[in-house]
């Protein structure tokens, strides 16, 4: 990805708002693996991790907070 794909930011925003990749994927009508793959694409673009992932959901990293 050579320039930002605005859809990736929309997906990021949904995950940040819900605190869950699974819930965001359901809301967005997409599969959890697809959403996770797209988030990794955004993390590669910004060259930073955006979420701490845990079994209870996700929390924004400092870089994620800054982006949000």
N, C-alpha and C. Protein backbone atom coordinates (compact mmCIF):
# COMPACT_ATOMS: atom_id res chain seq x y z
N UNK A 1 0.86 -1.17 0.00
CA UNK A 1 0.00 0.00 0.00
C UNK A 1 0.90 1.23 0.00
N UNK A 2 0.87 1.98 -1.06
CA UNK A 2 1.75 3.14 -1.15
C UNK A 2 1.12 4.40 -0.59
N UNK A 3 -0.18 4.48 -0.57
CA UNK A 3 -0.84 5.61 0.08
C UNK A 3 -2.00 5.08 0.91
N UNK A 4 -2.41 5.89 1.85
CA UNK A 4 -3.44 5.44 2.79
C UNK A 4 -4.74 5.10 2.06
N UNK A 5 -5.30 3.98 2.40
CA UNK A 5 -6.61 3.58 1.93
C UNK A 5 -7.59 4.00 3.04
N UNK A 6 -8.44 4.98 2.74
CA UNK A 6 -9.32 5.53 3.77
C UNK A 6 -10.24 4.48 4.38
N UNK A 7 -10.53 3.42 3.65
CA UNK A 7 -11.36 2.35 4.21
C UNK A 7 -10.68 1.69 5.40
N UNK A 8 -9.35 1.59 5.37
CA UNK A 8 -8.63 1.01 6.50
C UNK A 8 -8.84 1.83 7.76
N UNK A 9 -8.89 3.14 7.62
CA UNK A 9 -9.12 4.00 8.78
C UNK A 9 -10.55 3.84 9.31
N UNK A 10 -11.49 3.61 8.41
CA UNK A 10 -12.88 3.35 8.83
C UNK A 10 -12.94 2.06 9.64
N UNK A 11 -12.25 1.04 9.19
CA UNK A 11 -12.22 -0.24 9.90
C UNK A 11 -11.54 -0.07 11.26
N UNK A 12 -10.42 0.64 11.27
CA UNK A 12 -9.70 0.92 12.52
C UNK A 12 -10.63 1.61 13.52
N UNK A 13 -11.37 2.60 13.04
CA UNK A 13 -12.28 3.35 13.90
C UNK A 13 -13.35 2.45 14.51
N UNK A 14 -13.88 1.53 13.71
CA UNK A 14 -14.91 0.61 14.22
C UNK A 14 -14.35 -0.28 15.32
N UNK A 15 -13.13 -0.77 15.14
CA UNK A 15 -12.52 -1.62 16.17
C UNK A 15 -12.22 -0.81 17.42
N UNK A 16 -11.70 0.40 17.25
CA UNK A 16 -11.41 1.26 18.40
C UNK A 16 -12.69 1.57 19.17
N UNK A 17 -13.78 1.82 18.47
CA UNK A 17 -15.06 2.16 19.11
C UNK A 17 -15.65 0.98 19.86
N UNK A 18 -15.60 -0.21 19.27
CA UNK A 18 -16.23 -1.38 19.89
C UNK A 18 -15.31 -2.09 20.88
N UNK A 19 -14.00 -1.91 20.74
CA UNK A 19 -13.05 -2.60 21.61
C UNK A 19 -12.93 -4.08 21.30
N UNK A 20 -13.41 -4.46 20.11
CA UNK A 20 -13.41 -5.88 19.74
C UNK A 20 -13.36 -6.03 18.23
N UNK A 21 -12.42 -6.85 17.77
CA UNK A 21 -12.36 -7.14 16.33
C UNK A 21 -13.59 -7.93 15.92
N UNK A 22 -14.02 -8.88 16.76
CA UNK A 22 -15.20 -9.69 16.43
C UNK A 22 -16.46 -8.83 16.32
N UNK A 23 -16.71 -7.95 17.30
CA UNK A 23 -17.90 -7.11 17.26
C UNK A 23 -17.85 -6.15 16.07
N UNK A 24 -16.68 -5.57 15.82
CA UNK A 24 -16.55 -4.65 14.69
C UNK A 24 -16.80 -5.39 13.38
N UNK A 25 -16.26 -6.59 13.25
CA UNK A 25 -16.47 -7.38 12.04
C UNK A 25 -17.95 -7.66 11.81
N UNK A 26 -18.66 -8.02 12.89
CA UNK A 26 -20.11 -8.26 12.77
C UNK A 26 -20.82 -6.99 12.32
N UNK A 27 -20.50 -5.86 12.94
CA UNK A 27 -21.14 -4.59 12.56
C UNK A 27 -20.86 -4.22 11.11
N UNK A 28 -19.65 -4.52 10.67
CA UNK A 28 -19.24 -4.14 9.32
C UNK A 28 -19.65 -5.16 8.26
N UNK A 29 -20.16 -6.31 8.71
CA UNK A 29 -20.59 -7.34 7.77
C UNK A 29 -19.43 -8.04 7.09
N UNK A 30 -18.34 -8.23 7.83
CA UNK A 30 -17.19 -8.92 7.26
C UNK A 30 -16.69 -9.97 8.25
N UNK A 31 -15.81 -10.84 7.80
CA UNK A 31 -15.30 -11.87 8.70
C UNK A 31 -14.20 -11.30 9.58
N UNK A 32 -14.04 -11.91 10.74
CA UNK A 32 -12.99 -11.48 11.68
C UNK A 32 -11.61 -11.65 11.08
N UNK A 33 -11.32 -12.77 10.38
CA UNK A 33 -9.98 -12.89 9.78
C UNK A 33 -9.69 -11.80 8.73
N UNK A 34 -10.70 -11.45 7.95
CA UNK A 34 -10.51 -10.39 6.95
C UNK A 34 -10.23 -9.06 7.63
N UNK A 35 -10.98 -8.74 8.67
CA UNK A 35 -10.78 -7.49 9.38
C UNK A 35 -9.39 -7.47 10.03
N UNK A 36 -8.99 -8.55 10.64
CA UNK A 36 -7.66 -8.63 11.25
C UNK A 36 -6.56 -8.41 10.21
N UNK A 37 -6.74 -9.01 9.05
CA UNK A 37 -5.77 -8.85 7.97
C UNK A 37 -5.69 -7.40 7.51
N UNK A 38 -6.84 -6.74 7.41
CA UNK A 38 -6.87 -5.32 7.00
C UNK A 38 -6.22 -4.43 8.07
N UNK A 39 -6.43 -4.75 9.36
CA UNK A 39 -5.79 -3.98 10.43
C UNK A 39 -4.27 -4.12 10.36
N UNK A 40 -3.79 -5.32 10.08
CA UNK A 40 -2.35 -5.55 9.93
C UNK A 40 -1.81 -4.70 8.77
N UNK A 41 -2.59 -4.58 7.71
CA UNK A 41 -2.19 -3.76 6.58
C UNK A 41 -2.02 -2.30 7.01
N UNK A 42 -2.96 -1.80 7.81
CA UNK A 42 -2.86 -0.43 8.31
C UNK A 42 -1.66 -0.29 9.25
N UNK A 43 -1.44 -1.28 10.10
CA UNK A 43 -0.29 -1.22 11.01
C UNK A 43 1.03 -1.20 10.22
N UNK A 44 1.09 -1.93 9.13
CA UNK A 44 2.29 -1.88 8.28
C UNK A 44 2.44 -0.50 7.66
N UNK A 45 1.33 0.10 7.23
CA UNK A 45 1.37 1.42 6.62
C UNK A 45 1.87 2.48 7.59
N UNK A 46 1.37 2.46 8.83
CA UNK A 46 1.78 3.47 9.81
C UNK A 46 3.05 3.04 10.56
N UNK A 47 3.50 1.82 10.30
CA UNK A 47 4.73 1.28 10.88
C UNK A 47 4.69 1.28 12.40
N UNK A 48 3.54 0.86 12.94
CA UNK A 48 3.39 0.80 14.40
C UNK A 48 2.22 -0.10 14.75
N UNK A 49 2.28 -0.79 15.90
CA UNK A 49 1.12 -1.55 16.38
C UNK A 49 0.05 -0.56 16.85
N UNK A 50 -1.19 -0.84 16.54
CA UNK A 50 -2.28 0.06 16.90
C UNK A 50 -3.12 -0.46 18.06
N UNK A 51 -3.08 -1.76 18.29
CA UNK A 51 -3.88 -2.37 19.35
C UNK A 51 -3.06 -3.36 20.15
N UNK A 52 -3.40 -3.46 21.44
CA UNK A 52 -2.98 -4.59 22.25
C UNK A 52 -4.10 -5.60 22.10
N UNK A 53 -3.79 -6.79 21.71
CA UNK A 53 -4.82 -7.80 21.54
C UNK A 53 -4.82 -8.74 22.75
N UNK A 54 -6.01 -9.03 23.25
CA UNK A 54 -6.18 -9.94 24.38
C UNK A 54 -7.46 -10.73 24.18
N UNK A 55 -7.65 -11.75 24.98
CA UNK A 55 -8.85 -12.58 24.82
C UNK A 55 -10.12 -11.78 25.12
N UNK A 56 -10.00 -10.72 25.91
CA UNK A 56 -11.17 -9.92 26.27
C UNK A 56 -11.47 -8.82 25.24
N UNK A 57 -10.62 -8.68 24.24
CA UNK A 57 -10.84 -7.65 23.23
C UNK A 57 -9.53 -6.95 22.89
N UNK A 58 -9.64 -5.70 22.49
CA UNK A 58 -8.45 -4.93 22.12
C UNK A 58 -8.46 -3.58 22.82
N UNK A 59 -7.27 -3.06 23.04
CA UNK A 59 -7.09 -1.72 23.58
C UNK A 59 -6.10 -1.00 22.68
N UNK A 60 -6.27 0.29 22.54
CA UNK A 60 -5.38 1.06 21.69
C UNK A 60 -3.99 1.20 22.32
N UNK A 61 -2.96 1.06 21.51
CA UNK A 61 -1.61 1.39 21.93
C UNK A 61 -1.50 2.92 21.92
N UNK A 62 -0.38 3.45 22.35
CA UNK A 62 -0.19 4.89 22.29
C UNK A 62 -0.28 5.38 20.84
N UNK A 63 0.29 4.61 19.91
CA UNK A 63 0.22 4.97 18.50
C UNK A 63 -1.23 4.92 18.00
N UNK A 64 -1.98 3.93 18.50
CA UNK A 64 -3.40 3.84 18.16
C UNK A 64 -4.18 5.02 18.69
N UNK A 65 -3.87 5.42 19.93
CA UNK A 65 -4.52 6.61 20.51
C UNK A 65 -4.23 7.84 19.67
N UNK A 66 -2.96 7.99 19.28
CA UNK A 66 -2.56 9.15 18.48
C UNK A 66 -3.31 9.16 17.14
N UNK A 67 -3.43 8.00 16.52
CA UNK A 67 -4.13 7.92 15.23
C UNK A 67 -5.61 8.17 15.39
N UNK A 68 -6.16 7.67 16.48
CA UNK A 68 -7.60 7.83 16.71
C UNK A 68 -7.95 9.28 16.95
